[in-house]
Amino acid sequence: MGVASGLTTILAKVRAIVLRSGVAPQDADDVLQEAFLRLESYARKQEVRSQEAFLVTAAVNLGRDRARHRAHAVGDGDEFDISGLADAAPLPEEQLHSQERLRRFKSGMRRLDPQTQRCLMAKRLEGLTAARIAERENLSVAAVEKRIARALLFLTQWMGES
């Protein structure tokens, strides 16, 4: 691998890291160029053990500095750039899929007898031991464990059929 292609690879990696750290795509190349200039300036004075590590650190820090500067500039009447903000909410398709899985789960739970439902809910939601559930349901510990195991097996198969 030549020096130019090695540098191109490093710059591509650093650019990807900078974008993942929240720098707006239109600013990524500027941040990368400034980080590279800092690397060149530093390398003239001192030895750089890892150009890639230096570039990543410098670029991420420069990106943070830009974000901090923009945050302060917003109060000065400047337009706020929301293109770099990520929405943490699930995508509509993911929400729909989750709702469908929940409906399927509830349907499977309704197929279990009421006592098994109570045993499973007490174990999973309330965190009760089999002995405590057995006492509450007037069953043996083995019967409770068997009910829970069968319920989990049934629900696993039920959910897999969707």
N, C-alpha and C. Protein backbone atom coordinates (compact mmCIF):
# COMPACT_ATOMS: atom_id res chain seq x y z
N MET A 1 0.86 -1.17 0.00
CA MET A 1 0.00 0.00 0.00
C MET A 1 0.90 1.23 0.00
N GLY A 2 0.68 2.14 -0.93
CA GLY A 2 1.47 3.34 -1.02
C GLY A 2 1.10 4.34 0.04
N VAL A 3 1.95 5.38 0.18
CA VAL A 3 1.71 6.41 1.18
C VAL A 3 0.40 7.14 0.90
N ALA A 4 0.15 7.45 -0.37
CA ALA A 4 -1.07 8.18 -0.73
C ALA A 4 -2.32 7.36 -0.44
N SER A 5 -2.30 6.08 -0.81
CA SER A 5 -3.49 5.26 -0.57
C SER A 5 -3.67 4.99 0.92
N GLY A 6 -2.55 4.88 1.68
CA GLY A 6 -2.64 4.70 3.13
C GLY A 6 -3.25 5.92 3.79
N LEU A 7 -2.83 7.10 3.33
CA LEU A 7 -3.36 8.34 3.87
C LEU A 7 -4.84 8.50 3.51
N THR A 8 -5.19 8.12 2.29
CA THR A 8 -6.59 8.19 1.86
C THR A 8 -7.46 7.29 2.73
N THR A 9 -6.97 6.11 3.04
CA THR A 9 -7.70 5.18 3.91
C THR A 9 -7.89 5.76 5.30
N ILE A 10 -6.81 6.33 5.85
CA ILE A 10 -6.88 6.92 7.19
C ILE A 10 -7.88 8.08 7.20
N LEU A 11 -7.80 8.94 6.19
CA LEU A 11 -8.71 10.09 6.12
C LEU A 11 -10.17 9.64 6.01
N ALA A 12 -10.41 8.58 5.24
CA ALA A 12 -11.79 8.06 5.11
C ALA A 12 -12.29 7.55 6.46
N LYS A 13 -11.43 6.85 7.21
CA LYS A 13 -11.82 6.35 8.53
C LYS A 13 -12.13 7.51 9.48
N VAL A 14 -11.23 8.49 9.47
CA VAL A 14 -11.41 9.63 10.37
C VAL A 14 -12.67 10.40 10.01
N ARG A 15 -12.93 10.56 8.71
CA ARG A 15 -14.15 11.26 8.28
C ARG A 15 -15.40 10.53 8.80
N ALA A 16 -15.40 9.21 8.71
CA ALA A 16 -16.54 8.42 9.19
C ALA A 16 -16.72 8.60 10.70
N ILE A 17 -15.62 8.62 11.44
CA ILE A 17 -15.69 8.80 12.89
C ILE A 17 -16.23 10.18 13.23
N VAL A 18 -15.76 11.18 12.49
CA VAL A 18 -16.21 12.55 12.72
C VAL A 18 -17.70 12.67 12.46
N LEU A 19 -18.18 12.05 11.40
CA LEU A 19 -19.62 12.10 11.10
C LEU A 19 -20.42 11.40 12.19
N ARG A 20 -19.93 10.26 12.69
CA ARG A 20 -20.64 9.55 13.76
C ARG A 20 -20.64 10.33 15.06
N SER A 21 -19.64 11.19 15.24
CA SER A 21 -19.58 11.96 16.48
C SER A 21 -20.51 13.17 16.47
N GLY A 22 -21.24 13.36 15.36
CA GLY A 22 -22.26 14.41 15.34
C GLY A 22 -21.92 15.62 14.51
N VAL A 23 -20.77 15.62 13.83
CA VAL A 23 -20.41 16.75 12.98
C VAL A 23 -21.29 16.70 11.73
N ALA A 24 -21.81 17.84 11.34
CA ALA A 24 -22.67 17.92 10.16
C ALA A 24 -21.86 17.54 8.92
N PRO A 25 -22.47 16.80 7.98
CA PRO A 25 -21.74 16.37 6.78
C PRO A 25 -21.07 17.52 6.03
N GLN A 26 -21.72 18.68 5.99
CA GLN A 26 -21.13 19.80 5.26
C GLN A 26 -19.90 20.36 5.97
N ASP A 27 -19.71 20.05 7.25
CA ASP A 27 -18.56 20.54 8.01
C ASP A 27 -17.45 19.50 8.15
N ALA A 28 -17.72 18.26 7.82
CA ALA A 28 -16.77 17.18 8.07
C ALA A 28 -15.44 17.40 7.35
N ASP A 29 -15.48 17.79 6.09
CA ASP A 29 -14.23 17.98 5.35
C ASP A 29 -13.42 19.13 5.92
N ASP A 30 -14.08 20.20 6.35
CA ASP A 30 -13.37 21.33 6.97
C ASP A 30 -12.68 20.89 8.26
N VAL A 31 -13.39 20.13 9.07
CA VAL A 31 -12.83 19.63 10.33
C VAL A 31 -11.64 18.72 10.03
N LEU A 32 -11.80 17.85 9.04
CA LEU A 32 -10.74 16.93 8.66
C LEU A 32 -9.50 17.68 8.18
N GLN A 33 -9.70 18.70 7.36
CA GLN A 33 -8.59 19.48 6.84
C GLN A 33 -7.86 20.21 7.98
N GLU A 34 -8.60 20.79 8.89
CA GLU A 34 -7.99 21.49 10.02
C GLU A 34 -7.22 20.51 10.91
N ALA A 35 -7.77 19.32 11.12
CA ALA A 35 -7.09 18.30 11.92
C ALA A 35 -5.79 17.88 11.23
N PHE A 36 -5.84 17.74 9.92
CA PHE A 36 -4.65 17.35 9.16
C PHE A 36 -3.58 18.44 9.26
N LEU A 37 -3.98 19.71 9.19
CA LEU A 37 -3.03 20.81 9.33
C LEU A 37 -2.38 20.80 10.71
N ARG A 38 -3.17 20.50 11.73
CA ARG A 38 -2.62 20.41 13.08
C ARG A 38 -1.62 19.25 13.18
N LEU A 39 -1.94 18.14 12.52
CA LEU A 39 -1.01 17.00 12.50
C LEU A 39 0.31 17.40 11.85
N GLU A 40 0.25 18.05 10.72
CA GLU A 40 1.46 18.47 10.00
C GLU A 40 2.27 19.43 10.85
N SER A 41 1.62 20.38 11.48
CA SER A 41 2.30 21.36 12.32
C SER A 41 2.97 20.68 13.52
N TYR A 42 2.27 19.77 14.15
CA TYR A 42 2.80 19.06 15.32
C TYR A 42 3.95 18.15 14.92
N ALA A 43 3.83 17.48 13.75
CA ALA A 43 4.86 16.54 13.29
C ALA A 43 6.18 17.24 12.98
N ARG A 44 6.13 18.52 12.67
CA ARG A 44 7.37 19.27 12.40
C ARG A 44 8.18 19.46 13.68
N LYS A 45 7.49 19.52 14.81
CA LYS A 45 8.16 19.80 16.09
C LYS A 45 8.46 18.54 16.89
N GLN A 46 7.55 17.56 16.79
CA GLN A 46 7.69 16.37 17.62
C GLN A 46 7.32 15.13 16.81
N GLU A 47 7.71 13.99 17.36
CA GLU A 47 7.41 12.72 16.71
C GLU A 47 5.94 12.34 16.98
N VAL A 48 5.26 11.88 15.94
CA VAL A 48 3.88 11.43 16.06
C VAL A 48 3.90 9.91 15.96
N ARG A 49 3.49 9.23 17.03
CA ARG A 49 3.51 7.77 17.03
C ARG A 49 2.45 7.18 16.11
N SER A 50 1.26 7.77 16.12
CA SER A 50 0.17 7.25 15.28
C SER A 50 -0.56 8.42 14.64
N GLN A 51 -0.38 8.55 13.33
CA GLN A 51 -1.06 9.64 12.62
C GLN A 51 -2.57 9.48 12.72
N GLU A 52 -3.03 8.24 12.61
CA GLU A 52 -4.47 7.99 12.64
C GLU A 52 -5.07 8.41 13.99
N ALA A 53 -4.42 8.02 15.08
CA ALA A 53 -4.92 8.37 16.42
C ALA A 53 -4.90 9.89 16.62
N PHE A 54 -3.83 10.53 16.15
CA PHE A 54 -3.74 11.98 16.27
C PHE A 54 -4.87 12.65 15.49
N LEU A 55 -5.09 12.20 14.25
CA LEU A 55 -6.14 12.78 13.42
C LEU A 55 -7.52 12.59 14.03
N VAL A 56 -7.79 11.39 14.54
CA VAL A 56 -9.10 11.11 15.14
C VAL A 56 -9.33 12.03 16.34
N THR A 57 -8.35 12.09 17.22
CA THR A 57 -8.49 12.92 18.42
C THR A 57 -8.68 14.39 18.06
N ALA A 58 -7.82 14.88 17.17
CA ALA A 58 -7.91 16.29 16.77
C ALA A 58 -9.24 16.58 16.09
N ALA A 59 -9.67 15.71 15.19
CA ALA A 59 -10.90 15.96 14.44
C ALA A 59 -12.13 15.92 15.35
N VAL A 60 -12.19 14.95 16.25
CA VAL A 60 -13.33 14.87 17.17
C VAL A 60 -13.36 16.10 18.07
N ASN A 61 -12.20 16.51 18.58
CA ASN A 61 -12.15 17.71 19.43
C ASN A 61 -12.56 18.95 18.65
N LEU A 62 -12.10 19.08 17.41
CA LEU A 62 -12.48 20.23 16.59
C LEU A 62 -13.98 20.23 16.33
N GLY A 63 -14.54 19.05 16.09
CA GLY A 63 -15.98 18.94 15.89
C GLY A 63 -16.75 19.40 17.11
N ARG A 64 -16.28 19.00 18.29
CA ARG A 64 -16.92 19.42 19.54
C ARG A 64 -16.82 20.93 19.72
N ASP A 65 -15.62 21.47 19.39
CA ASP A 65 -15.44 22.92 19.49
C ASP A 65 -16.42 23.66 18.59
N ARG A 66 -16.59 23.16 17.37
CA ARG A 66 -17.53 23.80 16.43
C ARG A 66 -18.96 23.75 16.97
N ALA A 67 -19.32 22.59 17.52
CA ALA A 67 -20.69 22.45 18.07
C ALA A 67 -20.89 23.41 19.24
N ARG A 68 -19.88 23.53 20.09
CA ARG A 68 -19.96 24.44 21.23
C ARG A 68 -20.08 25.89 20.74
N HIS A 69 -19.30 26.23 19.73
CA HIS A 69 -19.35 27.58 19.17
C HIS A 69 -20.72 27.88 18.57
N ARG A 70 -21.27 26.89 17.85
CA ARG A 70 -22.60 27.07 17.25
C ARG A 70 -23.67 27.25 18.31
N ALA A 71 -23.54 26.50 19.40
CA ALA A 71 -24.54 26.59 20.47
C ALA A 71 -24.55 27.99 21.07
N HIS A 72 -23.38 28.58 21.21
CA HIS A 72 -23.30 29.94 21.74
C HIS A 72 -23.76 30.96 20.71
N ALA A 73 -23.51 30.68 19.44
CA ALA A 73 -23.88 31.60 18.37
C ALA A 73 -25.39 31.66 18.18
N VAL A 74 -26.10 30.61 18.56
CA VAL A 74 -27.56 30.58 18.40
C VAL A 74 -28.20 31.71 19.17
N GLY A 75 -27.68 32.02 20.34
CA GLY A 75 -28.22 33.09 21.15
C GLY A 75 -27.99 34.47 20.54
N ASP A 76 -27.09 34.55 19.56
CA ASP A 76 -26.79 35.82 18.93
C ASP A 76 -27.70 36.11 17.75
N GLY A 77 -28.78 35.36 17.61
CA GLY A 77 -29.73 35.60 16.52
C GLY A 77 -29.42 34.80 15.27
N ASP A 78 -28.36 33.96 15.29
CA ASP A 78 -28.05 33.15 14.12
C ASP A 78 -29.06 32.02 13.98
N GLU A 79 -29.15 31.51 12.82
CA GLU A 79 -30.02 30.37 12.50
C GLU A 79 -29.43 29.12 13.14
N PHE A 80 -30.24 28.29 13.74
CA PHE A 80 -29.77 27.04 14.35
C PHE A 80 -29.84 25.92 13.32
N ASP A 81 -28.73 25.21 13.13
CA ASP A 81 -28.65 24.13 12.15
C ASP A 81 -29.03 22.81 12.83
N ILE A 82 -30.19 22.26 12.46
CA ILE A 82 -30.65 21.03 13.09
C ILE A 82 -30.25 19.79 12.28
N SER A 83 -29.54 19.97 11.17
CA SER A 83 -29.21 18.82 10.32
C SER A 83 -28.29 17.83 11.03
N GLY A 84 -27.51 18.27 12.01
CA GLY A 84 -26.61 17.37 12.70
C GLY A 84 -27.24 16.65 13.88
N LEU A 85 -28.47 17.00 14.22
CA LEU A 85 -29.13 16.36 15.36
C LEU A 85 -29.73 15.04 14.94
N ALA A 86 -29.56 14.06 15.77
CA ALA A 86 -30.11 12.74 15.50
C ALA A 86 -31.35 12.52 16.36
N ASP A 87 -32.37 11.92 15.78
CA ASP A 87 -33.59 11.61 16.51
C ASP A 87 -33.45 10.22 17.11
N ALA A 88 -33.56 10.12 18.41
CA ALA A 88 -33.38 8.84 19.09
C ALA A 88 -34.63 7.97 19.02
N ALA A 89 -35.73 8.51 18.56
CA ALA A 89 -36.97 7.73 18.48
C ALA A 89 -36.84 6.64 17.41
N PRO A 90 -37.47 5.50 17.62
CA PRO A 90 -37.42 4.45 16.61
C PRO A 90 -38.11 4.90 15.32
N LEU A 91 -37.67 4.33 14.23
CA LEU A 91 -38.29 4.63 12.95
C LEU A 91 -39.72 4.11 12.93
N PRO A 92 -40.57 4.67 12.09
CA PRO A 92 -41.97 4.21 12.04
C PRO A 92 -42.09 2.70 11.78
N GLU A 93 -41.23 2.18 10.90
CA GLU A 93 -41.29 0.73 10.63
C GLU A 93 -40.97 -0.08 11.88
N GLU A 94 -39.98 0.40 12.66
CA GLU A 94 -39.61 -0.30 13.89
C GLU A 94 -40.74 -0.22 14.91
N GLN A 95 -41.40 0.92 15.00
CA GLN A 95 -42.53 1.07 15.91
C GLN A 95 -43.65 0.11 15.53
N LEU A 96 -43.95 0.04 14.24
CA LEU A 96 -45.00 -0.85 13.76
C LEU A 96 -44.66 -2.31 14.07
N HIS A 97 -43.41 -2.68 13.81
CA HIS A 97 -42.97 -4.05 14.08
C HIS A 97 -43.09 -4.37 15.57
N SER A 98 -42.70 -3.42 16.43
CA SER A 98 -42.80 -3.63 17.88
C SER A 98 -44.25 -3.78 18.32
N GLN A 99 -45.13 -2.96 17.76
CA GLN A 99 -46.55 -3.05 18.10
C GLN A 99 -47.13 -4.39 17.66
N GLU A 100 -46.73 -4.86 16.48
CA GLU A 100 -47.22 -6.15 16.00
C GLU A 100 -46.74 -7.29 16.89
N ARG A 101 -45.47 -7.22 17.32
CA ARG A 101 -44.93 -8.26 18.21
C ARG A 101 -45.64 -8.23 19.56
N LEU A 102 -45.96 -7.04 20.06
CA LEU A 102 -46.68 -6.93 21.33
C LEU A 102 -48.08 -7.52 21.20
N ARG A 103 -48.76 -7.21 20.10
CA ARG A 103 -50.09 -7.80 19.87
C ARG A 103 -50.01 -9.33 19.80
N ARG A 104 -48.99 -9.83 19.13
CA ARG A 104 -48.80 -11.27 19.01
C ARG A 104 -48.54 -11.89 20.39
N PHE A 105 -47.70 -11.22 21.19
CA PHE A 105 -47.40 -11.72 22.53
C PHE A 105 -48.66 -11.77 23.39
N LYS A 106 -49.44 -10.68 23.36
CA LYS A 106 -50.68 -10.65 24.15
C LYS A 106 -51.63 -11.75 23.72
N SER A 107 -51.70 -12.00 22.43
CA SER A 107 -52.55 -13.07 21.92
C SER A 107 -52.08 -14.42 22.45
N GLY A 108 -50.77 -14.64 22.47
CA GLY A 108 -50.22 -15.88 23.02
C GLY A 108 -50.48 -16.02 24.50
N MET A 109 -50.36 -14.91 25.22
CA MET A 109 -50.63 -14.94 26.67
C MET A 109 -52.08 -15.34 26.94
N ARG A 110 -53.01 -14.84 26.11
CA ARG A 110 -54.42 -15.18 26.30
C ARG A 110 -54.68 -16.67 26.08
N ARG A 111 -53.81 -17.34 25.35
CA ARG A 111 -53.99 -18.78 25.11
C ARG A 111 -53.56 -19.62 26.32
N LEU A 112 -52.80 -19.02 27.24
CA LEU A 112 -52.39 -19.73 28.45
C LEU A 112 -53.53 -19.71 29.45
N ASP A 113 -53.60 -20.75 30.30
CA ASP A 113 -54.65 -20.73 31.32
C ASP A 113 -54.31 -19.65 32.35
N PRO A 114 -55.32 -19.13 33.04
CA PRO A 114 -55.12 -18.00 33.95
C PRO A 114 -54.05 -18.26 35.04
N GLN A 115 -54.01 -19.45 35.58
CA GLN A 115 -53.04 -19.73 36.64
C GLN A 115 -51.61 -19.69 36.08
N THR A 116 -51.41 -20.22 34.88
CA THR A 116 -50.10 -20.18 34.25
C THR A 116 -49.71 -18.74 33.92
N GLN A 117 -50.68 -17.96 33.48
CA GLN A 117 -50.41 -16.54 33.22
C GLN A 117 -49.91 -15.85 34.50
N ARG A 118 -50.61 -16.11 35.61
CA ARG A 118 -50.23 -15.48 36.87
C ARG A 118 -48.83 -15.92 37.31
N CYS A 119 -48.53 -17.21 37.14
CA CYS A 119 -47.21 -17.73 37.52
C CYS A 119 -46.11 -17.06 36.68
N LEU A 120 -46.34 -16.99 35.40
CA LEU A 120 -45.35 -16.39 34.50
C LEU A 120 -45.14 -14.91 34.81
N MET A 121 -46.23 -14.19 35.00
CA MET A 121 -46.14 -12.76 35.29
C MET A 121 -45.45 -12.52 36.65
N ALA A 122 -45.77 -13.36 37.64
CA ALA A 122 -45.14 -13.21 38.95
C ALA A 122 -43.64 -13.45 38.85
N LYS A 123 -43.23 -14.41 38.05
CA LYS A 123 -41.81 -14.72 37.89
C LYS A 123 -41.10 -13.62 37.11
N ARG A 124 -41.65 -13.24 35.95
CA ARG A 124 -40.98 -12.29 35.06
C ARG A 124 -41.12 -10.83 35.46
N LEU A 125 -42.29 -10.44 35.89
CA LEU A 125 -42.51 -9.03 36.20
C LEU A 125 -42.24 -8.68 37.65
N GLU A 126 -42.68 -9.57 38.55
CA GLU A 126 -42.51 -9.28 39.97
C GLU A 126 -41.21 -9.83 40.52
N GLY A 127 -40.57 -10.74 39.76
CA GLY A 127 -39.29 -11.31 40.19
C GLY A 127 -39.41 -12.27 41.35
N LEU A 128 -40.59 -12.86 41.54
CA LEU A 128 -40.79 -13.78 42.66
C LEU A 128 -40.11 -15.12 42.38
N THR A 129 -39.75 -15.81 43.45
CA THR A 129 -39.17 -17.14 43.32
C THR A 129 -40.30 -18.14 43.08
N ALA A 130 -39.91 -19.31 42.58
CA ALA A 130 -40.89 -20.36 42.34
C ALA A 130 -41.56 -20.77 43.66
N ALA A 131 -40.79 -20.76 44.74
CA ALA A 131 -41.35 -21.14 46.04
C ALA A 131 -42.43 -20.14 46.48
N ARG A 132 -42.17 -18.87 46.28
CA ARG A 132 -43.14 -17.83 46.67
C ARG A 132 -44.39 -17.91 45.79
N ILE A 133 -44.19 -18.17 44.51
CA ILE A 133 -45.34 -18.30 43.59
C ILE A 133 -46.15 -19.54 43.96
N ALA A 134 -45.46 -20.63 44.28
CA ALA A 134 -46.14 -21.86 44.68
C ALA A 134 -47.01 -21.62 45.91
N GLU A 135 -46.47 -20.89 46.85
CA GLU A 135 -47.23 -20.56 48.06
C GLU A 135 -48.46 -19.73 47.70
N ARG A 136 -48.27 -18.74 46.87
CA ARG A 136 -49.35 -17.84 46.48
C ARG A 136 -50.44 -18.57 45.69
N GLU A 137 -50.04 -19.49 44.80
CA GLU A 137 -50.99 -20.18 43.92
C GLU A 137 -51.47 -21.52 44.47
N ASN A 138 -50.96 -21.88 45.64
CA ASN A 138 -51.33 -23.14 46.26
C ASN A 138 -50.94 -24.33 45.36
N LEU A 139 -49.70 -24.30 44.85
CA LEU A 139 -49.16 -25.36 43.99
C LEU A 139 -47.83 -25.81 44.57
N SER A 140 -47.30 -26.90 44.06
CA SER A 140 -45.96 -27.31 44.46
C SER A 140 -44.95 -26.49 43.66
N VAL A 141 -43.72 -26.41 44.18
CA VAL A 141 -42.66 -25.67 43.49
C VAL A 141 -42.41 -26.29 42.12
N ALA A 142 -42.40 -27.60 42.05
CA ALA A 142 -42.17 -28.29 40.77
C ALA A 142 -43.27 -27.94 39.76
N ALA A 143 -44.51 -27.86 40.22
CA ALA A 143 -45.62 -27.52 39.33
C ALA A 143 -45.46 -26.10 38.79
N VAL A 144 -45.04 -25.18 39.65
CA VAL A 144 -44.83 -23.80 39.21
C VAL A 144 -43.71 -23.74 38.18
N GLU A 145 -42.59 -24.40 38.47
CA GLU A 145 -41.46 -24.39 37.54
C GLU A 145 -41.86 -24.99 36.19
N LYS A 146 -42.65 -26.08 36.24
CA LYS A 146 -43.10 -26.73 35.01
C LYS A 146 -44.03 -25.81 34.22
N ARG A 147 -44.95 -25.14 34.90
CA ARG A 147 -45.87 -24.20 34.23
C ARG A 147 -45.10 -23.07 33.54
N ILE A 148 -44.13 -22.52 34.27
CA ILE A 148 -43.35 -21.41 33.71
C ILE A 148 -42.55 -21.89 32.50
N ALA A 149 -41.91 -23.04 32.62
CA ALA A 149 -41.10 -23.56 31.51
C ALA A 149 -41.98 -23.83 30.29
N ARG A 150 -43.12 -24.45 30.51
CA ARG A 150 -44.02 -24.74 29.38
C ARG A 150 -44.57 -23.45 28.76
N ALA A 151 -44.87 -22.48 29.59
CA ALA A 151 -45.37 -21.20 29.08
C ALA A 151 -44.32 -20.50 28.23
N LEU A 152 -43.09 -20.50 28.72
CA LEU A 152 -42.01 -19.86 27.96
C LEU A 152 -41.76 -20.59 26.64
N LEU A 153 -41.78 -21.90 26.67
CA LEU A 153 -41.61 -22.68 25.45
C LEU A 153 -42.74 -22.38 24.47
N PHE A 154 -43.97 -22.39 24.96
CA PHE A 154 -45.12 -22.10 24.10
C PHE A 154 -44.99 -20.70 23.48
N LEU A 155 -44.69 -19.69 24.32
CA LEU A 155 -44.62 -18.31 23.83
C LEU A 155 -43.47 -18.13 22.83
N THR A 156 -42.36 -18.79 23.08
CA THR A 156 -41.24 -18.72 22.14
C THR A 156 -41.64 -19.26 20.79
N GLN A 157 -42.30 -20.40 20.78
CA GLN A 157 -42.78 -20.99 19.52
C GLN A 157 -43.87 -20.12 18.90
N TRP A 158 -44.76 -19.61 19.71
CA TRP A 158 -45.86 -18.77 19.25
C TRP A 158 -45.32 -17.51 18.56
N MET A 159 -44.33 -16.88 19.18
CA MET A 159 -43.76 -15.66 18.61
C MET A 159 -42.96 -15.96 17.35
N GLY A 160 -42.39 -17.15 17.28
CA GLY A 160 -41.59 -17.53 16.10
C GLY A 160 -42.45 -17.78 14.87
N GLU A 161 -43.73 -18.02 15.07
CA GLU A 161 -44.64 -18.31 13.96
C GLU A 161 -45.12 -17.07 13.25
N SER A 162 -44.81 -15.88 13.80
CA SER A 162 -45.33 -14.65 13.19
C SER A 162 -44.63 -14.31 11.90
